[in-house]
Amino acid sequence: MEILTTVSATRRFIAAHKQQGKTVGLVPTMGYLHQGHLSLVEGARKDNDVVVVSIFVNPTQFGPQEDLDRYPRDMEKDRNSCHQAGVDAIFMPSAAEMYQPGFDTWVQVGSVTETLCGASRPGHFRGVATVVTKLFNIVQPHRAYFGLKDFQQAVVIKKMVQDLNMPVEIVALPTVREEDGLAVSSRNEYLTPKERAQARVLYRALRAGKELILAGECQAQAIRKAMEDEINSVPAAKIDYVSVCDPTTLAEVDAIAPATLLALAVKIGDTRLIDNMLVEI
């Protein structure tokens, strides 16, 4: 397994494999790899000859009051996980390598970035779209893999690729969950044992919404209220947003459609967690 830290070394690595006619799959991550990331690696391994995992805690997608400095990191564990999963190369650049002095070019996706986490975290998706564009330009993968736990991110990246005619297939894979339903996330590491137990309310709220829909409830307002009531039953949980929306446009809906996305962001203590569930009827 190769460890690549520069753009030039990564391009040489990719060029050598593409000259042999090999396909390349990219799994973009911010490190601290967990089972969710490894499910993406597994998907990439099945579909491609060469698998590259990028590990880069991207500063441009964090706001001034967010957790860039305390974002969990464990490079030794990440290297071991990648090696065991059959990764061919890790691209782990420095911030200075990715953002040279004077960097001042940004990728801005439109309306799908303005709701949900985009409304709560101004500038977040500009940072995401920019760094992913850079990764696609550097690695030039045939396919790139994203988890649906970050559903909005997957929608944003697909829209960007479509609109800018990028020659990469975006593969979105299902959310990986703990036994009690909590979505696997690097930020779960921030939770105390008590907060970890309280965090189960996110999945319970999504299940409550889904069960109402499957029982025939058609009004989005009623679904939203049921989810909010479930979350508010845990005093330590503070709602950022609860959404019943269109899974393509991410716009709020008034009535349930054949496919409806339930999405939420909730703070448990100081930790902001997100989750979602696509309900199809």
C-alpha atoms as a PDB file:
ATOM      1  CA  MET A   1       0.000   0.000   0.000  1.00  0.00           C
ATOM      2  CA  GLU A   2       1.358   3.386  -1.056  1.00  0.00           C
ATOM      3  CA  ILE A   3       1.253   6.477   1.164  1.00  0.00           C
ATOM      4  CA  LEU A   4       1.001   9.557  -1.062  1.00  0.00           C
ATOM      5  CA  THR A   5       1.345  13.051   0.361  1.00  0.00           C
ATOM      6  CA  THR A   6       1.729  15.247  -2.726  1.00  0.00           C
ATOM      7  CA  VAL A   7      -0.359  15.972  -5.792  1.00  0.00           C
ATOM      8  CA  SER A   8       2.526  15.118  -8.114  1.00  0.00           C
ATOM      9  CA  ALA A   9       3.192  11.725  -6.506  1.00  0.00           C
ATOM     10  CA  THR A  10      -0.500  10.867  -6.622  1.00  0.00           C
ATOM     11  CA  ARG A  11      -0.760  11.758 -10.302  1.00  0.00           C
ATOM     12  CA  ARG A  12       2.258   9.591 -11.100  1.00  0.00           C
ATOM     13  CA  PHE A  13       0.721   6.674  -9.169  1.00  0.00           C
ATOM     14  CA  ILE A  14      -2.619   7.009 -10.987  1.00  0.00           C
ATOM     15  CA  ALA A  15      -1.014   7.457 -14.413  1.00  0.00           C
ATOM     16  CA  ALA A  16       1.036   4.288 -14.007  1.00  0.00           C
ATOM     17  CA  HIS A  17      -2.087   2.229 -13.286  1.00  0.00           C
ATOM     18  CA  LYS A  18      -4.250   3.841 -15.959  1.00  0.00           C
ATOM     19  CA  GLN A  19      -1.554   3.104 -18.546  1.00  0.00           C
ATOM     20  CA  GLN A  20      -2.193  -0.566 -17.723  1.00  0.00           C
ATOM     21  CA  GLY A  21      -5.909  -0.078 -18.385  1.00  0.00           C
ATOM     22  CA  LYS A  22      -6.907  -0.299 -14.726  1.00  0.00           C
ATOM     23  CA  THR A  23      -9.990   1.359 -13.263  1.00  0.00           C
ATOM     24  CA  VAL A  24      -9.659   3.594 -10.208  1.00  0.00           C
ATOM     25  CA  GLY A  25     -12.105   4.019  -7.322  1.00  0.00           C
ATOM     26  CA  LEU A  26     -11.790   6.897  -4.851  1.00  0.00           C
ATOM     27  CA  VAL A  27     -13.146   6.992  -1.290  1.00  0.00           C
ATOM     28  CA  PRO A  28     -12.858  10.591   0.004  1.00  0.00           C
ATOM     29  CA  THR A  29     -12.668  10.764   3.826  1.00  0.00           C
ATOM     30  CA  MET A  30     -11.546  13.002   6.652  1.00  0.00           C
ATOM     31  CA  GLY A  31      -9.958  10.034   8.396  1.00  0.00           C
ATOM     32  CA  TYR A  32     -10.724   8.446  11.760  1.00  0.00           C
ATOM     33  CA  LEU A  33     -12.088   5.605   9.695  1.00  0.00           C
ATOM     34  CA  HIS A  34     -15.009   3.542  10.948  1.00  0.00           C
ATOM     35  CA  GLN A  35     -17.215   0.787   9.551  1.00  0.00           C
ATOM     36  CA  GLY A  36     -19.125   3.267   7.420  1.00  0.00           C
ATOM     37  CA  HIS A  37     -15.955   4.281   5.597  1.00  0.00           C
ATOM     38  CA  LEU A  38     -14.872   0.669   5.275  1.00  0.00           C
ATOM     39  CA  SER A  39     -18.200  -0.236   3.641  1.00  0.00           C
ATOM     40  CA  LEU A  40     -17.342   2.350   0.964  1.00  0.00           C
ATOM     41  CA  VAL A  41     -13.886   0.807   0.563  1.00  0.00           C
ATOM     42  CA  GLU A  42     -15.526  -2.597   0.184  1.00  0.00           C
ATOM     43  CA  GLY A  43     -17.784  -1.232  -2.550  1.00  0.00           C
ATOM     44  CA  ALA A  44     -14.849   0.385  -4.304  1.00  0.00           C
ATOM     45  CA  ARG A  45     -12.816  -2.810  -4.058  1.00  0.00           C
ATOM     46  CA  LYS A  46     -15.574  -4.804  -5.770  1.00  0.00           C
ATOM     47  CA  ASP A  47     -15.976  -2.328  -8.634  1.00  0.00           C
ATOM     48  CA  ASN A  48     -12.410  -1.237  -9.424  1.00  0.00           C
ATOM     49  CA  ASP A  49      -8.895  -2.511 -10.021  1.00  0.00           C
ATOM     50  CA  VAL A  50      -7.279   0.188  -7.866  1.00  0.00           C
ATOM     51  CA  VAL A  51      -8.702   1.772  -4.697  1.00  0.00           C
ATOM     52  CA  VAL A  52      -7.474   5.099  -3.359  1.00  0.00           C
ATOM     53  CA  VAL A  53      -8.627   6.476   0.012  1.00  0.00           C
ATOM     54  CA  SER A  54      -8.053  10.172   0.605  1.00  0.00           C
ATOM     55  CA  ILE A  55      -7.608  11.288   4.216  1.00  0.00           C
ATOM     56  CA  PHE A  56      -7.803  15.035   4.600  1.00  0.00           C
ATOM     57  CA  VAL A  57      -9.519  17.047   7.332  1.00  0.00           C
ATOM     58  CA  ASN A  58     -10.648  19.844   5.053  1.00  0.00           C
ATOM     59  CA  PRO A  59     -10.448  23.204   6.840  1.00  0.00           C
ATOM     60  CA  THR A  60     -12.608  25.035   4.311  1.00  0.00           C
ATOM     61  CA  GLN A  61     -15.764  23.121   5.230  1.00  0.00           C
ATOM     62  CA  PHE A  62     -15.584  24.057   8.925  1.00  0.00           C
ATOM     63  CA  GLY A  63     -17.088  27.282  10.225  1.00  0.00           C
ATOM     64  CA  PRO A  64     -15.248  29.549  12.713  1.00  0.00           C
ATOM     65  CA  GLN A  65     -17.106  28.091  15.708  1.00  0.00           C
ATOM     66  CA  GLU A  66     -16.917  24.469  14.572  1.00  0.00           C
ATOM     67  CA  ASP A  67     -14.759  21.543  15.628  1.00  0.00           C
ATOM     68  CA  LEU A  68     -11.811  21.557  13.192  1.00  0.00           C
ATOM     69  CA  ASP A  69      -9.140  21.463  15.911  1.00  0.00           C
ATOM     70  CA  ARG A  70     -10.824  18.732  17.937  1.00  0.00           C
ATOM     71  CA  TYR A  71     -11.957  16.623  14.986  1.00  0.00           C
ATOM     72  CA  PRO A  72     -10.730  13.096  15.846  1.00  0.00           C
ATOM     73  CA  ARG A  73      -7.587  11.844  14.146  1.00  0.00           C
ATOM     74  CA  ASP A  74      -5.722   8.526  14.326  1.00  0.00           C
ATOM     75  CA  MET A  75      -3.458   8.060  11.340  1.00  0.00           C
ATOM     76  CA  GLU A  76      -1.877   4.819  12.567  1.00  0.00           C
ATOM     77  CA  LYS A  77      -5.288   3.193  12.972  1.00  0.00           C
ATOM     78  CA  ASP A  78      -6.393   4.546   9.588  1.00  0.00           C
ATOM     79  CA  ARG A  79      -3.337   3.118   7.853  1.00  0.00           C
ATOM     80  CA  ASN A  80      -3.910  -0.289   9.441  1.00  0.00           C
ATOM     81  CA  SER A  81      -7.599  -0.262   8.520  1.00  0.00           C
ATOM     82  CA  CYS A  82      -6.831   0.623   4.915  1.00  0.00           C
ATOM     83  CA  HIS A  83      -4.142  -2.033   4.653  1.00  0.00           C
ATOM     84  CA  GLN A  84      -6.461  -4.722   6.006  1.00  0.00           C
ATOM     85  CA  ALA A  85      -9.252  -3.606   3.645  1.00  0.00           C
ATOM     86  CA  GLY A  86      -7.057  -3.985   0.576  1.00  0.00           C
ATOM     87  CA  VAL A  87      -6.599  -0.297  -0.231  1.00  0.00           C
ATOM     88  CA  ASP A  88      -3.908   0.318  -2.833  1.00  0.00           C
ATOM     89  CA  ALA A  89      -2.976   3.869  -1.840  1.00  0.00           C
ATOM     90  CA  ILE A  90      -3.790   6.530   0.742  1.00  0.00           C
ATOM     91  CA  PHE A  91      -3.631  10.148  -0.389  1.00  0.00           C
ATOM     92  CA  MET A  92      -3.018  12.177   2.772  1.00  0.00           C
ATOM     93  CA  PRO A  93      -1.949  15.698   1.829  1.00  0.00           C
ATOM     94  CA  SER A  94      -1.282  18.611   4.158  1.00  0.00           C
ATOM     95  CA  ALA A  95      -3.512  21.668   4.129  1.00  0.00           C
ATOM     96  CA  ALA A  96      -0.632  23.585   2.511  1.00  0.00           C
ATOM     97  CA  GLU A  97      -0.449  21.003  -0.284  1.00  0.00           C
ATOM     98  CA  MET A  98      -4.176  21.287  -1.018  1.00  0.00           C
ATOM     99  CA  TYR A  99      -4.464  25.053  -0.569  1.00  0.00           C
ATOM    100  CA  GLN A 100      -1.378  26.791  -1.880  1.00  0.00           C
ATOM    101  CA  PRO A 101      -0.660  30.398  -0.800  1.00  0.00           C
ATOM    102  CA  GLY A 102      -3.063  32.744  -2.535  1.00  0.00           C
ATOM    103  CA  PHE A 103      -5.694  30.053  -3.141  1.00  0.00           C
ATOM    104  CA  ASP A 104      -8.890  31.859  -4.108  1.00  0.00           C
ATOM    105  CA  THR A 105     -11.007  29.635  -6.362  1.00  0.00           C
ATOM    106  CA  TRP A 106     -14.239  28.049  -5.116  1.00  0.00           C
ATOM    107  CA  VAL A 107     -16.944  25.713  -6.366  1.00  0.00           C
ATOM    108  CA  GLN A 108     -20.461  26.793  -5.395  1.00  0.00           C
ATOM    109  CA  VAL A 109     -23.421  24.472  -5.997  1.00  0.00           C
ATOM    110  CA  GLY A 110     -26.861  26.105  -5.979  1.00  0.00           C
ATOM    111  CA  SER A 111     -30.200  25.461  -4.307  1.00  0.00           C
ATOM    112  CA  VAL A 112     -29.502  21.956  -2.970  1.00  0.00           C
ATOM    113  CA  THR A 113     -26.907  23.517  -0.627  1.00  0.00           C
ATOM    114  CA  GLU A 114     -29.292  26.084   0.838  1.00  0.00           C
ATOM    115  CA  THR A 115     -31.465  23.835   3.028  1.00  0.00           C
ATOM    116  CA  LEU A 116     -30.786  21.340   5.859  1.00  0.00           C
ATOM    117  CA  CYS A 117     -27.108  21.488   6.856  1.00  0.00           C
ATOM    118  CA  GLY A 118     -26.464  24.195   4.277  1.00  0.00           C
ATOM    119  CA  ALA A 119     -28.800  26.551   6.133  1.00  0.00           C
ATOM    120  CA  SER A 120     -27.223  25.701   9.500  1.00  0.00           C
ATOM    121  CA  ARG A 121     -23.612  25.785   8.309  1.00  0.00           C
ATOM    122  CA  PRO A 122     -23.063  28.653   5.851  1.00  0.00           C
ATOM    123  CA  GLY A 123     -20.127  27.995   3.550  1.00  0.00           C
ATOM    124  CA  HIS A 124     -19.908  24.314   4.465  1.00  0.00           C
ATOM    125  CA  PHE A 125     -20.881  22.952   1.067  1.00  0.00           C
ATOM    126  CA  ARG A 126     -18.707  25.467  -0.751  1.00  0.00           C
ATOM    127  CA  GLY A 127     -15.782  23.889   1.085  1.00  0.00           C
ATOM    128  CA  VAL A 128     -17.026  20.371   0.363  1.00  0.00           C
ATOM    129  CA  ALA A 129     -17.623  21.002  -3.342  1.00  0.00           C
ATOM    130  CA  THR A 130     -14.243  22.692  -3.730  1.00  0.00           C
ATOM    131  CA  VAL A 131     -12.196  19.999  -2.034  1.00  0.00           C
ATOM    132  CA  VAL A 132     -14.032  17.175  -3.808  1.00  0.00           C
ATOM    133  CA  THR A 133     -13.452  18.890  -7.144  1.00  0.00           C
ATOM    134  CA  LYS A 134      -9.761  19.105  -6.296  1.00  0.00           C
ATOM    135  CA  LEU A 135      -9.672  15.432  -5.309  1.00  0.00           C
ATOM    136  CA  PHE A 136     -11.387  14.445  -8.564  1.00  0.00           C
ATOM    137  CA  ASN A 137      -8.868  16.504 -10.551  1.00  0.00           C
ATOM    138  CA  ILE A 138      -5.916  15.008  -8.688  1.00  0.00           C
ATOM    139  CA  VAL A 139      -6.977  11.337  -8.580  1.00  0.00           C
ATOM    140  CA  GLN A 140      -9.154  11.319 -11.718  1.00  0.00           C
ATOM    141  CA  PRO A 141     -11.142   8.289 -10.553  1.00  0.00           C
ATOM    142  CA  HIS A 142     -13.581   6.346 -12.667  1.00  0.00           C
ATOM    143  CA  ARG A 143     -15.865   6.087  -9.614  1.00  0.00           C
ATOM    144  CA  ALA A 144     -16.114   7.861  -6.247  1.00  0.00           C
ATOM    145  CA  TYR A 145     -17.913   6.538  -3.164  1.00  0.00           C
ATOM    146  CA  PHE A 146     -20.007   8.435  -0.624  1.00  0.00           C
ATOM    147  CA  GLY A 147     -22.203   7.327   2.263  1.00  0.00           C
ATOM    148  CA  LEU A 148     -25.888   8.194   2.449  1.00  0.00           C
ATOM    149  CA  LYS A 149     -25.588   9.149   6.122  1.00  0.00           C
ATOM    150  CA  ASP A 150     -24.529  12.477   4.588  1.00  0.00           C
ATOM    151  CA  PHE A 151     -27.459  12.412   2.155  1.00  0.00           C
ATOM    152  CA  GLN A 152     -27.282  16.104   1.306  1.00  0.00           C
ATOM    153  CA  GLN A 153     -23.572  15.834   0.561  1.00  0.00           C
ATOM    154  CA  ALA A 154     -24.243  13.002  -1.882  1.00  0.00           C
ATOM    155  CA  VAL A 155     -26.952  15.074  -3.602  1.00  0.00           C
ATOM    156  CA  VAL A 156     -24.617  18.072  -3.827  1.00  0.00           C
ATOM    157  CA  ILE A 157     -21.765  16.039  -5.306  1.00  0.00           C
ATOM    158  CA  LYS A 158     -24.043  14.348  -7.843  1.00  0.00           C
ATOM    159  CA  LYS A 159     -25.426  17.732  -8.908  1.00  0.00           C
ATOM    160  CA  MET A 160     -21.923  19.187  -9.229  1.00  0.00           C
ATOM    161  CA  VAL A 161     -20.708  16.257 -11.327  1.00  0.00           C
ATOM    162  CA  GLN A 162     -23.762  16.458 -13.579  1.00  0.00           C
ATOM    163  CA  ASP A 163     -23.634  20.223 -14.064  1.00  0.00           C
ATOM    164  CA  LEU A 164     -19.878  20.419 -14.655  1.00  0.00           C
ATOM    165  CA  ASN A 165     -19.682  17.305 -16.874  1.00  0.00           C
ATOM    166  CA  MET A 166     -17.136  15.627 -14.642  1.00  0.00           C
ATOM    167  CA  PRO A 167     -16.154  12.165 -15.962  1.00  0.00           C
ATOM    168  CA  VAL A 168     -16.717  10.296 -12.708  1.00  0.00           C
ATOM    169  CA  GLU A 169     -19.499   7.986 -11.562  1.00  0.00           C
ATOM    170  CA  ILE A 170     -20.819   8.793  -8.089  1.00  0.00           C
ATOM    171  CA  VAL A 171     -21.747   5.717  -6.047  1.00  0.00           C
ATOM    172  CA  ALA A 172     -23.814   6.373  -2.906  1.00  0.00           C
ATOM    173  CA  LEU A 173     -24.004   3.505  -0.412  1.00  0.00           C
ATOM    174  CA  PRO A 174     -26.385   2.904   2.533  1.00  0.00           C
ATOM    175  CA  THR A 175     -25.836   4.263   6.037  1.00  0.00           C
ATOM    176  CA  VAL A 176     -24.077   1.855   8.392  1.00  0.00           C
ATOM    177  CA  ARG A 177     -25.678   1.718  11.831  1.00  0.00           C
ATOM    178  CA  GLU A 178     -24.838   0.466  15.295  1.00  0.00           C
ATOM    179  CA  GLU A 179     -27.025  -2.304  16.744  1.00  0.00           C
ATOM    180  CA  ASP A 180     -29.322   0.252  18.387  1.00  0.00           C
ATOM    181  CA  GLY A 181     -29.771   2.174  15.139  1.00  0.00           C
ATOM    182  CA  LEU A 182     -27.397   5.091  15.722  1.00  0.00           C
ATOM    183  CA  ALA A 183     -25.643   6.011  12.481  1.00  0.00           C
ATOM    184  CA  VAL A 184     -21.914   5.308  12.620  1.00  0.00           C
ATOM    185  CA  SER A 185     -20.041   8.633  12.684  1.00  0.00           C
ATOM    186  CA  SER A 186     -16.633   9.926  13.683  1.00  0.00           C
ATOM    187  CA  ARG A 187     -18.392  12.491  15.871  1.00  0.00           C
ATOM    188  CA  ASN A 188     -19.905   9.719  18.013  1.00  0.00           C
ATOM    189  CA  GLU A 189     -16.491   9.691  19.694  1.00  0.00           C
ATOM    190  CA  TYR A 190     -17.358  13.022  21.319  1.00  0.00           C
ATOM    191  CA  LEU A 191     -20.330  11.541  23.209  1.00  0.00           C
ATOM    192  CA  THR A 192     -20.143  10.589  26.872  1.00  0.00           C
ATOM    193  CA  PRO A 193     -21.741   7.222  27.761  1.00  0.00           C
ATOM    194  CA  LYS A 194     -24.873   9.048  28.923  1.00  0.00           C
ATOM    195  CA  GLU A 195     -25.009  11.137  25.749  1.00  0.00           C
ATOM    196  CA  ARG A 196     -24.414   8.033  23.638  1.00  0.00           C
ATOM    197  CA  ALA A 197     -27.561   6.488  25.124  1.00  0.00           C
ATOM    198  CA  GLN A 198     -29.511   9.714  24.519  1.00  0.00           C
ATOM    199  CA  ALA A 199     -28.354   9.824  20.902  1.00  0.00           C
ATOM    200  CA  ARG A 200     -30.555   6.844  20.097  1.00  0.00           C
ATOM    201  CA  VAL A 201     -33.412   9.340  19.870  1.00  0.00           C
ATOM    202  CA  LEU A 202     -32.336  10.343  16.344  1.00  0.00           C
ATOM    203  CA  TYR A 203     -33.087   6.892  14.976  1.00  0.00           C
ATOM    204  CA  ARG A 204     -36.268   6.615  17.046  1.00  0.00           C
ATOM    205  CA  ALA A 205     -37.508   9.892  15.561  1.00  0.00           C
ATOM    206  CA  LEU A 206     -36.828   8.709  12.021  1.00  0.00           C
ATOM    207  CA  ARG A 207     -38.580   5.426  12.722  1.00  0.00           C
ATOM    208  CA  ALA A 208     -41.567   7.277  14.162  1.00  0.00           C
ATOM    209  CA  GLY A 209     -41.841   9.348  11.002  1.00  0.00           C
ATOM    210  CA  LYS A 210     -41.494   6.330   8.737  1.00  0.00           C
ATOM    211  CA  GLU A 211     -44.108   4.338  10.642  1.00  0.00           C
ATOM    212  CA  LEU A 212     -46.630   7.175  10.341  1.00  0.00           C
ATOM    213  CA  ILE A 213     -46.064   7.365   6.590  1.00  0.00           C
ATOM    214  CA  LEU A 214     -46.424   3.625   6.156  1.00  0.00           C
ATOM    215  CA  ALA A 215     -49.624   3.778   8.226  1.00  0.00           C
ATOM    216  CA  GLY A 216     -51.074   6.208   5.692  1.00  0.00           C
ATOM    217  CA  GLU A 217     -50.312   9.670   7.070  1.00  0.00           C
ATOM    218  CA  CYS A 218     -49.931  12.019   4.100  1.00  0.00           C
ATOM    219  CA  GLN A 219     -49.387  15.414   5.740  1.00  0.00           C
ATOM    220  CA  ALA A 220     -45.743  16.356   6.144  1.00  0.00           C
ATOM    221  CA  GLN A 221     -46.562  18.675   9.052  1.00  0.00           C
ATOM    222  CA  ALA A 222     -47.909  15.758  11.084  1.00  0.00           C
ATOM    223  CA  ILE A 223     -44.831  13.659  10.304  1.00  0.00           C
ATOM    224  CA  ARG A 224     -42.530  16.511  11.272  1.00  0.00           C
ATOM    225  CA  LYS A 225     -44.334  17.078  14.570  1.00  0.00           C
ATOM    226  CA  ALA A 226     -44.149  13.400  15.491  1.00  0.00           C
ATOM    227  CA  MET A 227     -40.409  13.414  14.909  1.00  0.00           C
ATOM    228  CA  GLU A 228     -39.953  16.631  16.898  1.00  0.00           C
ATOM    229  CA  ASP A 229     -42.030  15.248  19.780  1.00  0.00           C
ATOM    230  CA  GLU A 230     -39.833  12.137  19.904  1.00  0.00           C
ATOM    231  CA  ILE A 231     -36.659  14.226  20.014  1.00  0.00           C
ATOM    232  CA  ASN A 232     -38.074  16.615  22.620  1.00  0.00           C
ATOM    233  CA  SER A 233     -38.767  13.641  24.900  1.00  0.00           C
ATOM    234  CA  VAL A 234     -35.013  13.680  25.599  1.00  0.00           C
ATOM    235  CA  PRO A 235     -34.303  16.927  27.496  1.00  0.00           C
ATOM    236  CA  ALA A 236     -30.613  16.985  26.512  1.00  0.00           C
ATOM    237  CA  ALA A 237     -31.468  16.832  22.788  1.00  0.00           C
ATOM    238  CA  LYS A 238     -31.673  20.184  20.999  1.00  0.00           C
ATOM    239  CA  ILE A 239     -33.132  20.283  17.497  1.00  0.00           C
ATOM    240  CA  ASP A 240     -31.208  22.047  14.742  1.00  0.00           C
ATOM    241  CA  TYR A 241     -33.663  20.970  12.052  1.00  0.00           C
ATOM    242  CA  VAL A 242     -36.261  18.305  11.344  1.00  0.00           C
ATOM    243  CA  SER A 243     -37.136  18.024   7.676  1.00  0.00           C
ATOM    244  CA  VAL A 244     -39.622  16.199   5.486  1.00  0.00           C
ATOM    245  CA  CYS A 245     -38.352  16.910   2.002  1.00  0.00           C
ATOM    246  CA  ASP A 246     -37.963  15.909  -1.610  1.00  0.00           C
ATOM    247  CA  PRO A 247     -34.932  13.594  -1.935  1.00  0.00           C
ATOM    248  CA  THR A 248     -33.853  15.180  -5.224  1.00  0.00           C
ATOM    249  CA  THR A 249     -34.284  18.910  -4.581  1.00  0.00           C
ATOM    250  CA  LEU A 250     -34.154  18.740  -0.749  1.00  0.00           C
ATOM    251  CA  ALA A 251     -37.022  21.251  -0.662  1.00  0.00           C
ATOM    252  CA  GLU A 252     -39.601  20.870   2.112  1.00  0.00           C
ATOM    253  CA  VAL A 253     -42.841  19.170   1.037  1.00  0.00           C
ATOM    254  CA  ASP A 254     -46.410  19.571   2.248  1.00  0.00           C
ATOM    255  CA  ALA A 255     -47.580  16.089   1.311  1.00  0.00           C
ATOM    256  CA  ILE A 256     -45.886  12.709   1.269  1.00  0.00           C
ATOM    257  CA  ALA A 257     -44.743  11.532  -2.161  1.00  0.00           C
ATOM    258  CA  PRO A 258     -43.771   8.056  -3.419  1.00  0.00           C
ATOM    259  CA  ALA A 259     -40.243   8.881  -2.190  1.00  0.00           C
ATOM    260  CA  THR A 260     -39.764  11.219   0.772  1.00  0.00           C
ATOM    261  CA  LEU A 261     -36.634  12.013   2.747  1.00  0.00           C
ATOM    262  CA  LEU A 262     -36.813  12.387   6.517  1.00  0.00           C
ATOM    263  CA  ALA A 263     -33.734  14.260   7.719  1.00  0.00           C
ATOM    264  CA  LEU A 264     -32.635  15.768  11.003  1.00  0.00           C
ATOM    265  CA  ALA A 265     -29.776  17.388  12.845  1.00  0.00           C
ATOM    266  CA  VAL A 266     -29.743  17.292  16.639  1.00  0.00           C
ATOM    267  CA  LYS A 267     -27.253  18.409  19.254  1.00  0.00           C
ATOM    268  CA  ILE A 268     -26.647  15.954  22.067  1.00  0.00           C
ATOM    269  CA  GLY A 269     -24.661  17.937  24.611  1.00  0.00           C
ATOM    270  CA  ASP A 270     -22.065  19.772  22.524  1.00  0.00           C
ATOM    271  CA  THR A 271     -22.124  17.264  19.670  1.00  0.00           C
ATOM    272  CA  ARG A 272     -24.132  17.883  16.524  1.00  0.00           C
ATOM    273  CA  LEU A 273     -25.344  14.662  14.897  1.00  0.00           C
ATOM    274  CA  ILE A 274     -27.166  14.180  11.603  1.00  0.00           C
ATOM    275  CA  ASP A 275     -29.198  11.316  10.233  1.00  0.00           C
ATOM    276  CA  ASN A 276     -31.835  10.601   7.602  1.00  0.00           C
ATOM    277  CA  MET A 277     -34.142   7.968   6.218  1.00  0.00           C
ATOM    278  CA  LEU A 278     -35.549   7.636   2.713  1.00  0.00           C
ATOM    279  CA  VAL A 279     -39.154   6.375   2.828  1.00  0.00           C
ATOM    280  CA  GLU A 280     -40.646   4.889  -0.309  1.00  0.00           C
ATOM    281  CA  ILE A 281     -44.293   3.909  -0.632  1.00  0.00           C
END
